[in-house]
Amino acid sequence: MKEPQKISLNIAKSIDIIIKRFTPFEKDVLRAVIKIKPGQVRTYKWIAGRIGRPNAQRAVGQALNKNPLPLLIPCHRVVATNSRIGGYSRGTALKKKLLDFERNLIYGRKKSNGSK
């Protein structure tokens, strides 16, 4: 299996400038999402637990819908607990394409036809 490549945009340090108009909860959500590495996914429930609000899955989704930079703050990496893709402010078809693209880029997988 191909070794995962390391990709870093390092925007975590400047996130406060980008999201200063958001509530503390929304900031916590976006900061947690920034830490999800390319090729990985986490659930809305995982994010809620990570920020100390374990029952706030819906609020996490609402906060992600306000994301001003969806490609830099990778809200497409957050999925529903029941293995569904969940929502995405730019449409679920694009969310699936972004996730597939990252998996292929990082792990060398092609999901569409099962080939490598």
PDB file of N, CA and C in Angstrom:
ATOM      1  N   MET A   1       0.837  -1.177   0.000  1.00  0.00           N
ATOM      2  CA  MET A   1       0.000   0.000   0.000  1.00  0.00           C
ATOM      3  C   MET A   1       0.883   1.241   0.000  1.00  0.00           C
ATOM      4  N   LYS A   2       0.495   2.214  -0.753  1.00  0.00           N
ATOM      5  CA  LYS A   2       1.232   3.464  -0.871  1.00  0.00           C
ATOM      6  C   LYS A   2       1.191   4.249   0.443  1.00  0.00           C
ATOM      7  N   GLU A   3       2.325   4.795   0.841  1.00  0.00           N
ATOM      8  CA  GLU A   3       2.394   5.600   2.063  1.00  0.00           C
ATOM      9  C   GLU A   3       1.634   6.908   1.866  1.00  0.00           C
ATOM     10  N   PRO A   4       0.837   7.337   2.861  1.00  0.00           N
ATOM     11  CA  PRO A   4       0.136   8.615   2.754  1.00  0.00           C
ATOM     12  C   PRO A   4       1.126   9.770   2.651  1.00  0.00           C
ATOM     13  N   GLN A   5       0.807  10.744   1.795  1.00  0.00           N
ATOM     14  CA  GLN A   5       1.633  11.934   1.676  1.00  0.00           C
ATOM     15  C   GLN A   5       1.197  12.931   2.731  1.00  0.00           C
ATOM     16  N   LYS A   6       2.126  13.746   3.204  1.00  0.00           N
ATOM     17  CA  LYS A   6       1.785  14.770   4.178  1.00  0.00           C
ATOM     18  C   LYS A   6       1.476  16.065   3.432  1.00  0.00           C
ATOM     19  N   ILE A   7       0.321  16.628   3.737  1.00  0.00           N
ATOM     20  CA  ILE A   7      -0.103  17.891   3.153  1.00  0.00           C
ATOM     21  C   ILE A   7      -0.466  18.814   4.297  1.00  0.00           C
ATOM     22  N   SER A   8       0.050  20.022   4.302  1.00  0.00           N
ATOM     23  CA  SER A   8      -0.252  20.962   5.372  1.00  0.00           C
ATOM     24  C   SER A   8      -0.461  22.354   4.795  1.00  0.00           C
ATOM     25  N   LEU A   9      -1.589  22.960   5.117  1.00  0.00           N
ATOM     26  CA  LEU A   9      -1.845  24.341   4.723  1.00  0.00           C
ATOM     27  C   LEU A   9      -1.570  25.294   5.884  1.00  0.00           C
ATOM     28  N   ASN A  10      -1.478  24.755   7.094  1.00  0.00           N
ATOM     29  CA  ASN A  10      -1.142  25.508   8.300  1.00  0.00           C
ATOM     30  C   ASN A  10      -1.932  26.808   8.454  1.00  0.00           C
ATOM     31  N   ILE A  11      -3.242  26.737   8.241  1.00  0.00           N
ATOM     32  CA  ILE A  11      -4.035  27.945   8.454  1.00  0.00           C
ATOM     33  C   ILE A  11      -4.555  28.046   9.879  1.00  0.00           C
ATOM     34  N   ALA A  12      -4.303  27.021  10.683  1.00  0.00           N
ATOM     35  CA  ALA A  12      -4.821  27.024  12.050  1.00  0.00           C
ATOM     36  C   ALA A  12      -4.372  28.265  12.825  1.00  0.00           C
ATOM     37  N   LYS A  13      -3.193  28.768  12.557  1.00  0.00           N
ATOM     38  CA  LYS A  13      -2.680  29.930  13.280  1.00  0.00           C
ATOM     39  C   LYS A  13      -3.402  31.214  12.902  1.00  0.00           C
ATOM     40  N   SER A  14      -3.927  31.300  11.698  1.00  0.00           N
ATOM     41  CA  SER A  14      -4.602  32.520  11.275  1.00  0.00           C
ATOM     42  C   SER A  14      -6.120  32.395  11.290  1.00  0.00           C
ATOM     43  N   ILE A  15      -6.645  31.311  11.822  1.00  0.00           N
ATOM     44  CA  ILE A  15      -8.089  31.080  11.821  1.00  0.00           C
ATOM     45  C   ILE A  15      -8.841  32.159  12.588  1.00  0.00           C
ATOM     46  N   ASP A  16      -8.282  32.698  13.650  1.00  0.00           N
ATOM     47  CA  ASP A  16      -8.989  33.707  14.437  1.00  0.00           C
ATOM     48  C   ASP A  16      -9.295  34.955  13.616  1.00  0.00           C
ATOM     49  N   ILE A  17      -8.427  35.317  12.718  1.00  0.00           N
ATOM     50  CA  ILE A  17      -8.669  36.475  11.840  1.00  0.00           C
ATOM     51  C   ILE A  17      -9.836  36.187  10.909  1.00  0.00           C
ATOM     52  N   ILE A  18      -9.882  34.978  10.381  1.00  0.00           N
ATOM     53  CA  ILE A  18     -10.900  34.597   9.409  1.00  0.00           C
ATOM     54  C   ILE A  18     -12.278  34.478  10.057  1.00  0.00           C
ATOM     55  N   ILE A  19     -12.339  33.980  11.281  1.00  0.00           N
ATOM     56  CA  ILE A  19     -13.635  33.674  11.899  1.00  0.00           C
ATOM     57  C   ILE A  19     -13.976  34.548  13.101  1.00  0.00           C
ATOM     58  N   LYS A  20     -13.410  35.735  13.203  1.00  0.00           N
ATOM     59  CA  LYS A  20     -13.631  36.532  14.411  1.00  0.00           C
ATOM     60  C   LYS A  20     -15.080  36.973  14.608  1.00  0.00           C
ATOM     61  N   ARG A  21     -15.914  36.946  13.580  1.00  0.00           N
ATOM     62  CA  ARG A  21     -17.315  37.334  13.728  1.00  0.00           C
ATOM     63  C   ARG A  21     -18.207  36.180  14.204  1.00  0.00           C
ATOM     64  N   PHE A  22     -17.650  35.004  14.386  1.00  0.00           N
ATOM     65  CA  PHE A  22     -18.418  33.828  14.790  1.00  0.00           C
ATOM     66  C   PHE A  22     -18.533  33.720  16.305  1.00  0.00           C
ATOM     67  N   THR A  23     -19.522  32.927  16.752  1.00  0.00           N
ATOM     68  CA  THR A  23     -19.695  32.687  18.191  1.00  0.00           C
ATOM     69  C   THR A  23     -18.560  31.790  18.685  1.00  0.00           C
ATOM     70  N   PRO A  24     -18.326  31.754  19.994  1.00  0.00           N
ATOM     71  CA  PRO A  24     -17.292  30.845  20.527  1.00  0.00           C
ATOM     72  C   PRO A  24     -17.538  29.387  20.122  1.00  0.00           C
ATOM     73  N   PHE A  25     -18.793  28.944  20.142  1.00  0.00           N
ATOM     74  CA  PHE A  25     -19.117  27.570  19.726  1.00  0.00           C
ATOM     75  C   PHE A  25     -18.710  27.341  18.271  1.00  0.00           C
ATOM     76  N   GLU A  26     -19.097  28.259  17.387  1.00  0.00           N
ATOM     77  CA  GLU A  26     -18.771  28.105  15.958  1.00  0.00           C
ATOM     78  C   GLU A  26     -17.259  28.101  15.737  1.00  0.00           C
ATOM     79  N   LYS A  27     -16.550  28.940  16.472  1.00  0.00           N
ATOM     80  CA  LYS A  27     -15.088  28.958  16.376  1.00  0.00           C
ATOM     81  C   LYS A  27     -14.500  27.620  16.798  1.00  0.00           C
ATOM     82  N   ASP A  28     -15.018  27.065  17.892  1.00  0.00           N
ATOM     83  CA  ASP A  28     -14.532  25.761  18.354  1.00  0.00           C
ATOM     84  C   ASP A  28     -14.752  24.686  17.298  1.00  0.00           C
ATOM     85  N   VAL A  29     -15.922  24.709  16.667  1.00  0.00           N
ATOM     86  CA  VAL A  29     -16.234  23.732  15.619  1.00  0.00           C
ATOM     87  C   VAL A  29     -15.239  23.867  14.465  1.00  0.00           C
ATOM     88  N   LEU A  30     -15.050  25.069  13.977  1.00  0.00           N
ATOM     89  CA  LEU A  30     -14.152  25.269  12.831  1.00  0.00           C
ATOM     90  C   LEU A  30     -12.703  24.934  13.176  1.00  0.00           C
ATOM     91  N   ARG A  31     -12.276  25.246  14.393  1.00  0.00           N
ATOM     92  CA  ARG A  31     -10.915  24.882  14.811  1.00  0.00           C
ATOM     93  C   ARG A  31     -10.741  23.363  14.859  1.00  0.00           C
ATOM     94  N   ALA A  32     -11.764  22.656  15.317  1.00  0.00           N
ATOM     95  CA  ALA A  32     -11.685  21.187  15.370  1.00  0.00           C
ATOM     96  C   ALA A  32     -11.629  20.600  13.968  1.00  0.00           C
ATOM     97  N   VAL A  33     -12.381  21.165  13.053  1.00  0.00           N
ATOM     98  CA  VAL A  33     -12.429  20.656  11.675  1.00  0.00           C
ATOM     99  C   VAL A  33     -11.090  20.866  10.968  1.00  0.00           C
ATOM    100  N   ILE A  34     -10.425  21.957  11.261  1.00  0.00           N
ATOM    101  CA  ILE A  34      -9.118  22.221  10.637  1.00  0.00           C
ATOM    102  C   ILE A  34      -8.122  21.104  10.933  1.00  0.00           C
ATOM    103  N   LYS A  35      -8.287  20.447  12.058  1.00  0.00           N
ATOM    104  CA  LYS A  35      -7.337  19.404  12.468  1.00  0.00           C
ATOM    105  C   LYS A  35      -7.575  18.056  11.790  1.00  0.00           C
ATOM    106  N   ILE A  36      -8.665  17.931  11.034  1.00  0.00           N
ATOM    107  CA  ILE A  36      -8.919  16.673  10.316  1.00  0.00           C
ATOM    108  C   ILE A  36      -7.996  16.628   9.103  1.00  0.00           C
ATOM    109  N   LYS A  37      -7.188  15.609   9.036  1.00  0.00           N
ATOM    110  CA  LYS A  37      -6.191  15.502   7.968  1.00  0.00           C
ATOM    111  C   LYS A  37      -6.835  15.108   6.637  1.00  0.00           C
ATOM    112  N   PRO A  38      -6.220  15.515   5.529  1.00  0.00           N
ATOM    113  CA  PRO A  38      -6.722  15.107   4.212  1.00  0.00           C
ATOM    114  C   PRO A  38      -6.834  13.589   4.122  1.00  0.00           C
ATOM    115  N   GLY A  39      -7.907  13.123   3.506  1.00  0.00           N
ATOM    116  CA  GLY A  39      -8.123  11.689   3.356  1.00  0.00           C
ATOM    117  C   GLY A  39      -8.844  11.052   4.526  1.00  0.00           C
ATOM    118  N   GLN A  40      -9.062  11.814   5.608  1.00  0.00           N
ATOM    119  CA  GLN A  40      -9.763  11.299   6.776  1.00  0.00           C
ATOM    120  C   GLN A  40     -11.133  11.949   6.875  1.00  0.00           C
ATOM    121  N   VAL A  41     -12.040  11.295   7.573  1.00  0.00           N
ATOM    122  CA  VAL A  41     -13.338  11.891   7.876  1.00  0.00           C
ATOM    123  C   VAL A  41     -13.618  11.720   9.360  1.00  0.00           C
ATOM    124  N   ARG A  42     -14.442  12.594   9.872  1.00  0.00           N
ATOM    125  CA  ARG A  42     -14.931  12.522  11.242  1.00  0.00           C
ATOM    126  C   ARG A  42     -16.426  12.792  11.189  1.00  0.00           C
ATOM    127  N   THR A  43     -17.134  12.387  12.222  1.00  0.00           N
ATOM    128  CA  THR A  43     -18.580  12.597  12.248  1.00  0.00           C
ATOM    129  C   THR A  43     -18.936  13.897  12.964  1.00  0.00           C
ATOM    130  N   TYR A  44     -20.164  14.357  12.706  1.00  0.00           N
ATOM    131  CA  TYR A  44     -20.672  15.522  13.426  1.00  0.00           C
ATOM    132  C   TYR A  44     -20.639  15.243  14.926  1.00  0.00           C
ATOM    133  N   LYS A  45     -20.970  14.018  15.304  1.00  0.00           N
ATOM    134  CA  LYS A  45     -20.957  13.619  16.706  1.00  0.00           C
ATOM    135  C   LYS A  45     -19.543  13.676  17.276  1.00  0.00           C
ATOM    136  N   TRP A  46     -18.550  13.248  16.509  1.00  0.00           N
ATOM    137  CA  TRP A  46     -17.157  13.281  16.945  1.00  0.00           C
ATOM    138  C   TRP A  46     -16.727  14.718  17.204  1.00  0.00           C
ATOM    139  N   ILE A  47     -17.073  15.613  16.264  1.00  0.00           N
ATOM    140  CA  ILE A  47     -16.722  17.033  16.435  1.00  0.00           C
ATOM    141  C   ILE A  47     -17.384  17.576  17.700  1.00  0.00           C
ATOM    142  N   ALA A  48     -18.670  17.266  17.883  1.00  0.00           N
ATOM    143  CA  ALA A  48     -19.390  17.752  19.064  1.00  0.00           C
ATOM    144  C   ALA A  48     -18.716  17.273  20.347  1.00  0.00           C
ATOM    145  N   GLY A  49     -18.340  16.010  20.398  1.00  0.00           N
ATOM    146  CA  GLY A  49     -17.645  15.485  21.570  1.00  0.00           C
ATOM    147  C   GLY A  49     -16.282  16.110  21.758  1.00  0.00           C
ATOM    148  N   ARG A  50     -15.592  16.333  20.656  1.00  0.00           N
ATOM    149  CA  ARG A  50     -14.240  16.912  20.691  1.00  0.00           C
ATOM    150  C   ARG A  50     -14.233  18.306  21.314  1.00  0.00           C
ATOM    151  N   ILE A  51     -15.313  19.058  21.090  1.00  0.00           N
ATOM    152  CA  ILE A  51     -15.360  20.419  21.629  1.00  0.00           C
ATOM    153  C   ILE A  51     -16.117  20.488  22.956  1.00  0.00           C
ATOM    154  N   GLY A  52     -16.425  19.316  23.524  1.00  0.00           N
ATOM    155  CA  GLY A  52     -17.061  19.273  24.830  1.00  0.00           C
ATOM    156  C   GLY A  52     -18.559  19.488  24.823  1.00  0.00           C
ATOM    157  N   ARG A  53     -19.195  19.306  23.682  1.00  0.00           N
ATOM    158  CA  ARG A  53     -20.651  19.454  23.577  1.00  0.00           C
ATOM    159  C   ARG A  53     -21.228  18.201  22.914  1.00  0.00           C
ATOM    160  N   PRO A  54     -21.191  17.047  23.571  1.00  0.00           N
ATOM    161  CA  PRO A  54     -21.497  15.756  22.957  1.00  0.00           C
ATOM    162  C   PRO A  54     -22.886  15.614  22.339  1.00  0.00           C
ATOM    163  N   ASN A  55     -23.832  16.448  22.717  1.00  0.00           N
ATOM    164  CA  ASN A  55     -25.183  16.347  22.157  1.00  0.00           C
ATOM    165  C   ASN A  55     -25.484  17.436  21.129  1.00  0.00           C
ATOM    166  N   ALA A  56     -24.464  18.086  20.618  1.00  0.00           N
ATOM    167  CA  ALA A  56     -24.661  19.245  19.738  1.00  0.00           C
ATOM    168  C   ALA A  56     -24.365  18.945  18.272  1.00  0.00           C
ATOM    169  N   GLN A  57     -24.662  17.716  17.825  1.00  0.00           N
ATOM    170  CA  GLN A  57     -24.356  17.348  16.443  1.00  0.00           C
ATOM    171  C   GLN A  57     -25.041  18.269  15.428  1.00  0.00           C
ATOM    172  N   ARG A  58     -26.307  18.567  15.643  1.00  0.00           N
ATOM    173  CA  ARG A  58     -27.026  19.448  14.706  1.00  0.00           C
ATOM    174  C   ARG A  58     -26.426  20.849  14.691  1.00  0.00           C
ATOM    175  N   ALA A  59     -26.069  21.350  15.853  1.00  0.00           N
ATOM    176  CA  ALA A  59     -25.455  22.676  15.933  1.00  0.00           C
ATOM    177  C   ALA A  59     -24.098  22.686  15.236  1.00  0.00           C
ATOM    178  N   VAL A  60     -23.376  21.572  15.292  1.00  0.00           N
ATOM    179  CA  VAL A  60     -22.108  21.454  14.565  1.00  0.00           C
ATOM    180  C   VAL A  60     -22.369  21.614  13.074  1.00  0.00           C
ATOM    181  N   GLY A  61     -23.391  20.922  12.572  1.00  0.00           N
ATOM    182  CA  GLY A  61     -23.742  21.044  11.157  1.00  0.00           C
ATOM    183  C   GLY A  61     -24.107  22.463  10.773  1.00  0.00           C
ATOM    184  N   GLN A  62     -24.841  23.144  11.642  1.00  0.00           N
ATOM    185  CA  GLN A  62     -25.220  24.531  11.368  1.00  0.00           C
ATOM    186  C   GLN A  62     -23.997  25.448  11.361  1.00  0.00           C
ATOM    187  N   ALA A  63     -23.073  25.212  12.267  1.00  0.00           N
ATOM    188  CA  ALA A  63     -21.842  26.007  12.300  1.00  0.00           C
ATOM    189  C   ALA A  63     -21.028  25.777  11.031  1.00  0.00           C
ATOM    190  N   LEU A  64     -20.963  24.526  10.586  1.00  0.00           N
ATOM    191  CA  LEU A  64     -20.195  24.219   9.377  1.00  0.00           C
ATOM    192  C   LEU A  64     -20.831  24.848   8.145  1.00  0.00           C
ATOM    193  N   ASN A  65     -22.140  25.017   8.164  1.00  0.00           N
ATOM    194  CA  ASN A  65     -22.820  25.651   7.042  1.00  0.00           C
ATOM    195  C   ASN A  65     -22.423  27.123   6.890  1.00  0.00           C
ATOM    196  N   LYS A  66     -21.907  27.724   7.956  1.00  0.00           N
ATOM    197  CA  LYS A  66     -21.454  29.121   7.927  1.00  0.00           C
ATOM    198  C   LYS A  66     -19.976  29.256   7.546  1.00  0.00           C
ATOM    199  N   ASN A  67     -19.308  28.155   7.307  1.00  0.00           N
ATOM    200  CA  ASN A  67     -17.882  28.151   7.008  1.00  0.00           C
ATOM    201  C   ASN A  67     -17.584  29.080   5.820  1.00  0.00           C
ATOM    202  N   PRO A  68     -16.765  30.128   6.032  1.00  0.00           N
ATOM    203  CA  PRO A  68     -16.491  31.076   4.952  1.00  0.00           C
ATOM    204  C   PRO A  68     -15.474  30.564   3.923  1.00  0.00           C
ATOM    205  N   LEU A  69     -14.707  29.550   4.278  1.00  0.00           N
ATOM    206  CA  LEU A  69     -13.662  29.017   3.397  1.00  0.00           C
ATOM    207  C   LEU A  69     -13.729  27.495   3.370  1.00  0.00           C
ATOM    208  N   PRO A  70     -14.737  26.923   2.706  1.00  0.00           N
ATOM    209  CA  PRO A  70     -14.958  25.479   2.811  1.00  0.00           C
ATOM    210  C   PRO A  70     -13.836  24.592   2.274  1.00  0.00           C
ATOM    211  N   LEU A  71     -12.982  25.091   1.422  1.00  0.00           N
ATOM    212  CA  LEU A  71     -11.862  24.263   0.972  1.00  0.00           C
ATOM    213  C   LEU A  71     -10.670  24.353   1.910  1.00  0.00           C
ATOM    214  N   LEU A  72     -10.507  25.478   2.592  1.00  0.00           N
ATOM    215  CA  LEU A  72      -9.400  25.631   3.537  1.00  0.00           C
ATOM    216  C   LEU A  72      -9.767  25.148   4.936  1.00  0.00           C
ATOM    217  N   ILE A  73     -11.006  25.352   5.317  1.00  0.00           N
ATOM    218  CA  ILE A  73     -11.533  24.786   6.561  1.00  0.00           C
ATOM    219  C   ILE A  73     -12.382  23.607   6.093  1.00  0.00           C
ATOM    220  N   PRO A  74     -11.828  22.414   6.109  1.00  0.00           N
ATOM    221  CA  PRO A  74     -12.375  21.278   5.349  1.00  0.00           C
ATOM    222  C   PRO A  74     -13.633  20.634   5.920  1.00  0.00           C
ATOM    223  N   CYS A  75     -14.742  21.378   5.895  1.00  0.00           N
ATOM    224  CA  CYS A  75     -15.984  20.838   6.437  1.00  0.00           C
ATOM    225  C   CYS A  75     -16.503  19.658   5.619  1.00  0.00           C
ATOM    226  N   HIS A  76     -15.982  19.468   4.412  1.00  0.00           N
ATOM    227  CA  HIS A  76     -16.386  18.296   3.617  1.00  0.00           C
ATOM    228  C   HIS A  76     -15.902  16.995   4.257  1.00  0.00           C
ATOM    229  N   ARG A  77     -14.978  17.071   5.197  1.00  0.00           N
ATOM    230  CA  ARG A  77     -14.462  15.878   5.883  1.00  0.00           C
ATOM    231  C   ARG A  77     -15.323  15.454   7.068  1.00  0.00           C
ATOM    232  N   VAL A  78     -16.431  16.147   7.290  1.00  0.00           N
ATOM    233  CA  VAL A  78     -17.334  15.801   8.383  1.00  0.00           C
ATOM    234  C   VAL A  78     -18.565  15.120   7.785  1.00  0.00           C
ATOM    235  N   VAL A  79     -18.849  13.906   8.284  1.00  0.00           N
ATOM    236  CA  VAL A  79     -19.931  13.090   7.737  1.00  0.00           C
ATOM    237  C   VAL A  79     -20.892  12.680   8.846  1.00  0.00           C
ATOM    238  N   ALA A  80     -22.042  12.135   8.440  1.00  0.00           N
ATOM    239  CA  ALA A  80     -23.045  11.669   9.399  1.00  0.00           C
ATOM    240  C   ALA A  80     -22.599  10.358  10.039  1.00  0.00           C
ATOM    241  N   THR A  81     -23.076  10.106  11.241  1.00  0.00           N
ATOM    242  CA  THR A  81     -22.720   8.897  11.987  1.00  0.00           C
ATOM    243  C   THR A  81     -23.180   7.628  11.295  1.00  0.00           C
ATOM    244  N   ASN A  82     -24.305   7.677  10.608  1.00  0.00           N
ATOM    245  CA  ASN A  82     -24.912   6.492  10.001  1.00  0.00           C
ATOM    246  C   ASN A  82     -24.314   6.146   8.633  1.00  0.00           C
ATOM    247  N   SER A  83     -23.086   6.565   8.381  1.00  0.00           N
ATOM    248  CA  SER A  83     -22.361   6.302   7.140  1.00  0.00           C
ATOM    249  C   SER A  83     -22.890   7.083   5.944  1.00  0.00           C
ATOM    250  N   ARG A  84     -23.848   7.978   6.152  1.00  0.00           N
ATOM    251  CA  ARG A  84     -24.289   8.848   5.061  1.00  0.00           C
ATOM    252  C   ARG A  84     -23.321  10.010   4.961  1.00  0.00           C
ATOM    253  N   ILE A  85     -23.278  10.617   3.796  1.00  0.00           N
ATOM    254  CA  ILE A  85     -22.317  11.690   3.558  1.00  0.00           C
ATOM    255  C   ILE A  85     -22.653  12.956   4.344  1.00  0.00           C
ATOM    256  N   GLY A  86     -23.918  13.173   4.665  1.00  0.00           N
ATOM    257  CA  GLY A  86     -24.308  14.376   5.382  1.00  0.00           C
ATOM    258  C   GLY A  86     -24.431  15.554   4.435  1.00  0.00           C
ATOM    259  N   GLY A  87     -24.696  16.711   4.966  1.00  0.00           N
ATOM    260  CA  GLY A  87     -24.886  17.901   4.146  1.00  0.00           C
ATOM    261  C   GLY A  87     -23.579  18.583   3.792  1.00  0.00           C
ATOM    262  N   TYR A  88     -23.694  19.533   2.879  1.00  0.00           N
ATOM    263  CA  TYR A  88     -22.542  20.349   2.480  1.00  0.00           C
ATOM    264  C   TYR A  88     -23.083  21.612   1.830  1.00  0.00           C
ATOM    265  N   SER A  89     -22.559  22.747   2.212  1.00  0.00           N
ATOM    266  CA  SER A  89     -23.083  24.019   1.726  1.00  0.00           C
ATOM    267  C   SER A  89     -22.970  24.173   0.209  1.00  0.00           C
ATOM    268  N   ARG A  90     -22.067  23.447  -0.404  1.00  0.00           N
ATOM    269  CA  ARG A  90     -21.873  23.528  -1.859  1.00  0.00           C
ATOM    270  C   ARG A  90     -22.496  22.329  -2.588  1.00  0.00           C
ATOM    271  N   GLY A  91     -23.258  21.507  -1.855  1.00  0.00           N
ATOM    272  CA  GLY A  91     -23.940  20.354  -2.438  1.00  0.00           C
ATOM    273  C   GLY A  91     -23.235  19.043  -2.111  1.00  0.00           C
ATOM    274  N   THR A  92     -24.020  17.997  -1.882  1.00  0.00           N
ATOM    275  CA  THR A  92     -23.445  16.713  -1.482  1.00  0.00           C
ATOM    276  C   THR A  92     -22.661  16.037  -2.601  1.00  0.00           C
ATOM    277  N   ALA A  93     -23.014  16.311  -3.858  1.00  0.00           N
ATOM    278  CA  ALA A  93     -22.250  15.720  -4.965  1.00  0.00           C
ATOM    279  C   ALA A  93     -20.807  16.232  -4.937  1.00  0.00           C
ATOM    280  N   LEU A  94     -20.634  17.523  -4.689  1.00  0.00           N
ATOM    281  CA  LEU A  94     -19.286  18.083  -4.603  1.00  0.00           C
ATOM    282  C   LEU A  94     -18.557  17.542  -3.377  1.00  0.00           C
ATOM    283  N   LYS A  95     -19.273  17.384  -2.265  1.00  0.00           N
ATOM    284  CA  LYS A  95     -18.660  16.837  -1.057  1.00  0.00           C
ATOM    285  C   LYS A  95     -18.094  15.451  -1.330  1.00  0.00           C
ATOM    286  N   LYS A  96     -18.872  14.604  -1.992  1.00  0.00           N
ATOM    287  CA  LYS A  96     -18.414  13.258  -2.323  1.00  0.00           C
ATOM    288  C   LYS A  96     -17.207  13.306  -3.259  1.00  0.00           C
ATOM    289  N   LYS A  97     -17.228  14.191  -4.236  1.00  0.00           N
ATOM    290  CA  LYS A  97     -16.090  14.317  -5.159  1.00  0.00           C
ATOM    291  C   LYS A  97     -14.829  14.754  -4.419  1.00  0.00           C
ATOM    292  N   LEU A  98     -14.967  15.694  -3.498  1.00  0.00           N
ATOM    293  CA  LEU A  98     -13.803  16.153  -2.728  1.00  0.00           C
ATOM    294  C   LEU A  98     -13.233  15.031  -1.870  1.00  0.00           C
ATOM    295  N   LEU A  99     -14.106  14.272  -1.218  1.00  0.00           N
ATOM    296  CA  LEU A  99     -13.642  13.154  -0.386  1.00  0.00           C
ATOM    297  C   LEU A  99     -12.957  12.089  -1.240  1.00  0.00           C
ATOM    298  N   ASP A 100     -13.546  11.745  -2.378  1.00  0.00           N
ATOM    299  CA  ASP A 100     -12.944  10.761  -3.278  1.00  0.00           C
ATOM    300  C   ASP A 100     -11.604  11.257  -3.813  1.00  0.00           C
ATOM    301  N   PHE A 101     -11.540  12.538  -4.173  1.00  0.00           N
ATOM    302  CA  PHE A 101     -10.296  13.124  -4.676  1.00  0.00           C
ATOM    303  C   PHE A 101      -9.192  13.025  -3.626  1.00  0.00           C
ATOM    304  N   GLU A 102      -9.504  13.389  -2.381  1.00  0.00           N
ATOM    305  CA  GLU A 102      -8.498  13.319  -1.319  1.00  0.00           C
ATOM    306  C   GLU A 102      -8.035  11.891  -1.069  1.00  0.00           C
ATOM    307  N   ARG A 103      -8.980  10.964  -1.009  1.00  0.00           N
ATOM    308  CA  ARG A 103      -8.596   9.566  -0.786  1.00  0.00           C
ATOM    309  C   ARG A 103      -7.684   9.070  -1.901  1.00  0.00           C
ATOM    310  N   ASN A 104      -8.011   9.415  -3.124  1.00  0.00           N
ATOM    311  CA  ASN A 104      -7.186   9.006  -4.256  1.00  0.00           C
ATOM    312  C   ASN A 104      -5.813   9.671  -4.198  1.00  0.00           C
ATOM    313  N   LEU A 105      -5.777  10.947  -3.900  1.00  0.00           N
ATOM    314  CA  LEU A 105      -4.517  11.691  -3.819  1.00  0.00           C
ATOM    315  C   LEU A 105      -3.618  11.162  -2.709  1.00  0.00           C
ATOM    316  N   ILE A 106      -4.196  10.920  -1.541  1.00  0.00           N
ATOM    317  CA  ILE A 106      -3.419  10.515  -0.380  1.00  0.00           C
ATOM    318  C   ILE A 106      -3.087   9.025  -0.402  1.00  0.00           C
ATOM    319  N   TYR A 107      -4.066   8.204  -0.710  1.00  0.00           N
ATOM    320  CA  TYR A 107      -3.897   6.757  -0.585  1.00  0.00           C
ATOM    321  C   TYR A 107      -3.785   6.026  -1.916  1.00  0.00           C
ATOM    322  N   GLY A 108      -3.946   6.726  -3.021  1.00  0.00           N
ATOM    323  CA  GLY A 108      -3.833   6.093  -4.331  1.00  0.00           C
ATOM    324  C   GLY A 108      -5.001   5.190  -4.665  1.00  0.00           C
ATOM    325  N   ARG A 109      -6.166   5.444  -4.069  1.00  0.00           N
ATOM    326  CA  ARG A 109      -7.347   4.619  -4.319  1.00  0.00           C
ATOM    327  C   ARG A 109      -8.239   5.277  -5.353  1.00  0.00           C
ATOM    328  N   LYS A 110      -8.884   4.457  -6.128  1.00  0.00           N
ATOM    329  CA  LYS A 110      -9.924   4.924  -7.027  1.00  0.00           C
ATOM    330  C   LYS A 110     -11.176   4.159  -6.697  1.00  0.00           C
ATOM    331  N   LYS A 111     -12.163   4.829  -6.113  1.00  0.00           N
ATOM    332  CA  LYS A 111     -13.375   4.159  -5.673  1.00  0.00           C
ATOM    333  C   LYS A 111     -14.331   3.840  -6.816  1.00  0.00           C
ATOM    334  N   SER A 112     -14.304   4.637  -7.876  1.00  0.00           N
ATOM    335  CA  SER A 112     -15.338   4.529  -8.887  1.00  0.00           C
ATOM    336  C   SER A 112     -15.397   3.166  -9.566  1.00  0.00           C
ATOM    337  N   ASN A 113     -14.243   2.574  -9.913  1.00  0.00           N
ATOM    338  CA  ASN A 113     -14.296   1.282 -10.598  1.00  0.00           C
ATOM    339  C   ASN A 113     -13.524   0.197  -9.855  1.00  0.00           C
ATOM    340  N   GLY A 114     -13.044   0.484  -8.676  1.00  0.00           N
ATOM    341  CA  GLY A 114     -12.380  -0.511  -7.863  1.00  0.00           C
ATOM    342  C   GLY A 114     -10.932  -0.763  -8.238  1.00  0.00           C
ATOM    343  N   SER A 115     -10.388  -0.069  -9.227  1.00  0.00           N
ATOM    344  CA  SER A 115      -8.997  -0.302  -9.627  1.00  0.00           C
ATOM    345  C   SER A 115      -8.060   0.606  -8.851  1.00  0.00           C
ATOM    346  N   LYS A 116      -6.777   0.260  -8.895  1.00  0.00           N
ATOM    347  CA  LYS A 116      -5.756   1.072  -8.228  1.00  0.00           C
ATOM    348  C   LYS A 116      -4.954   1.841  -9.221  1.00  0.00           C
TER     349      LYS A 116
END
